[in-house]
Amino acid sequence: MNKYELAVVVNAKLEEEERAATIEKVKEYITRFGGTVTNVDDWGKKKLAYEIQKMKEAFYYFIQFESDADCPNEVEQNVRIMENVIRYLCVRQEA
């Protein structure tokens, strides 16, 4: 099992319930494809380095999980098409 970290940038115009539902859906994708979520960091609303889709702010979440090598690819394919996710990045953590 490898350790991964998924950074998710969520639309700032969403209500609290919608943001929570978006992160829950991402966590469901991880568990569906054989991963185990170990930690979720909510960094809150931050200013973006540059404007994305006419937005200057967004909510940042960092999800640590453990899985085999196939899970991150499957998760990325599903996160890519989520409407409320502005940007995402999945990286493997060094042991």
Protein backbone atom coordinates (compact mmCIF):
# COMPACT_ATOMS: atom_id res chain seq x y z
CA MET A 1 0.00 0.00 0.00
CA ASN A 2 1.26 3.44 -0.98
CA LYS A 3 0.42 6.72 0.74
CA TYR A 4 -1.10 9.51 -1.33
CA GLU A 5 -2.30 13.06 -0.78
CA LEU A 6 -5.11 14.55 -2.84
CA ALA A 7 -5.43 18.34 -2.86
CA VAL A 8 -8.92 19.51 -3.84
CA VAL A 9 -9.84 23.14 -4.54
CA VAL A 10 -13.59 23.66 -4.22
CA ASN A 11 -15.75 26.52 -5.51
CA ALA A 12 -16.07 29.29 -2.88
CA LYS A 13 -19.67 30.11 -3.84
CA LEU A 14 -21.00 26.84 -2.40
CA GLU A 15 -22.83 26.53 0.89
CA GLU A 16 -21.32 24.51 3.75
CA GLU A 17 -23.56 21.49 3.07
CA GLU A 18 -22.65 21.41 -0.62
CA ARG A 19 -18.91 21.59 0.16
CA ALA A 20 -19.25 18.79 2.71
CA ALA A 21 -21.16 16.68 0.18
CA THR A 22 -18.46 17.27 -2.44
CA ILE A 23 -15.68 16.13 -0.09
CA GLU A 24 -17.77 13.12 1.02
CA LYS A 25 -18.18 12.15 -2.63
CA VAL A 26 -14.41 12.33 -3.15
CA LYS A 27 -13.89 10.15 -0.06
CA GLU A 28 -16.46 7.67 -1.40
CA TYR A 29 -14.53 7.44 -4.67
CA ILE A 30 -11.34 6.65 -2.73
CA THR A 31 -12.99 3.86 -0.73
CA ARG A 32 -14.84 2.51 -3.80
CA PHE A 33 -11.57 1.98 -5.65
CA GLY A 34 -9.85 0.21 -2.75
CA GLY A 35 -8.29 3.07 -0.80
CA THR A 36 -8.47 3.98 2.87
CA VAL A 37 -8.85 7.63 3.90
CA THR A 38 -6.49 8.38 6.80
CA ASN A 39 -6.88 12.16 7.25
CA VAL A 40 -8.77 15.15 5.85
CA ASP A 41 -7.36 18.66 6.34
CA ASP A 42 -9.71 21.60 5.80
CA TRP A 43 -7.64 24.72 5.16
CA GLY A 44 -10.71 26.88 4.67
CA LYS A 45 -11.14 29.75 2.22
CA LYS A 46 -7.92 31.03 0.68
CA LYS A 47 -7.08 33.54 -2.02
CA LEU A 48 -6.12 31.92 -5.31
CA ALA A 49 -2.74 32.72 -6.86
CA TYR A 50 -4.54 33.63 -10.08
CA GLU A 51 -8.13 33.94 -11.17
CA ILE A 52 -9.82 30.67 -12.17
CA GLN A 53 -13.25 30.77 -13.84
CA LYS A 54 -13.65 34.39 -12.65
CA MET A 55 -13.10 33.35 -9.01
CA LYS A 56 -10.47 34.88 -6.76
CA GLU A 57 -11.03 32.63 -3.71
CA ALA A 58 -11.70 28.95 -3.09
CA PHE A 59 -11.81 26.34 -0.32
CA TYR A 60 -8.81 24.04 0.04
CA TYR A 61 -8.97 20.42 1.26
CA PHE A 62 -6.12 17.93 1.60
CA ILE A 63 -7.09 14.26 1.81
CA GLN A 64 -4.46 11.68 2.80
CA PHE A 65 -5.18 8.08 1.88
CA GLU A 66 -3.53 4.69 1.41
CA SER A 67 -4.15 2.51 -1.62
CA ASP A 68 -2.61 0.46 -4.39
CA ALA A 69 -1.23 2.11 -7.54
CA ASP A 70 -4.53 1.95 -9.50
CA CYS A 71 -6.75 3.88 -7.07
CA PRO A 72 -5.35 7.42 -7.67
CA ASN A 73 -5.95 7.15 -11.43
CA GLU A 74 -9.55 6.05 -10.92
CA VAL A 75 -10.18 8.78 -8.34
CA GLU A 76 -8.68 11.46 -10.61
CA GLN A 77 -10.92 10.39 -13.50
CA ASN A 78 -14.00 10.94 -11.32
CA VAL A 79 -12.82 14.12 -9.57
CA ARG A 80 -11.93 15.65 -12.96
CA ILE A 81 -15.60 15.76 -13.99
CA MET A 82 -17.01 17.00 -10.68
CA GLU A 83 -18.66 20.37 -11.23
CA ASN A 84 -17.78 21.92 -7.84
CA VAL A 85 -14.07 21.04 -8.00
CA ILE A 86 -12.00 23.80 -9.58
CA ARG A 87 -8.58 22.12 -9.35
CA TYR A 88 -7.13 18.91 -7.91
CA LEU A 89 -3.73 17.28 -7.56
CA CYS A 90 -2.88 13.79 -6.36
CA VAL A 91 0.71 13.04 -5.32
CA ARG A 92 2.39 10.00 -3.82
CA GLN A 93 3.98 10.68 -0.44
CA GLU A 94 7.50 9.44 0.23
CA ALA A 95 7.83 6.76 2.89
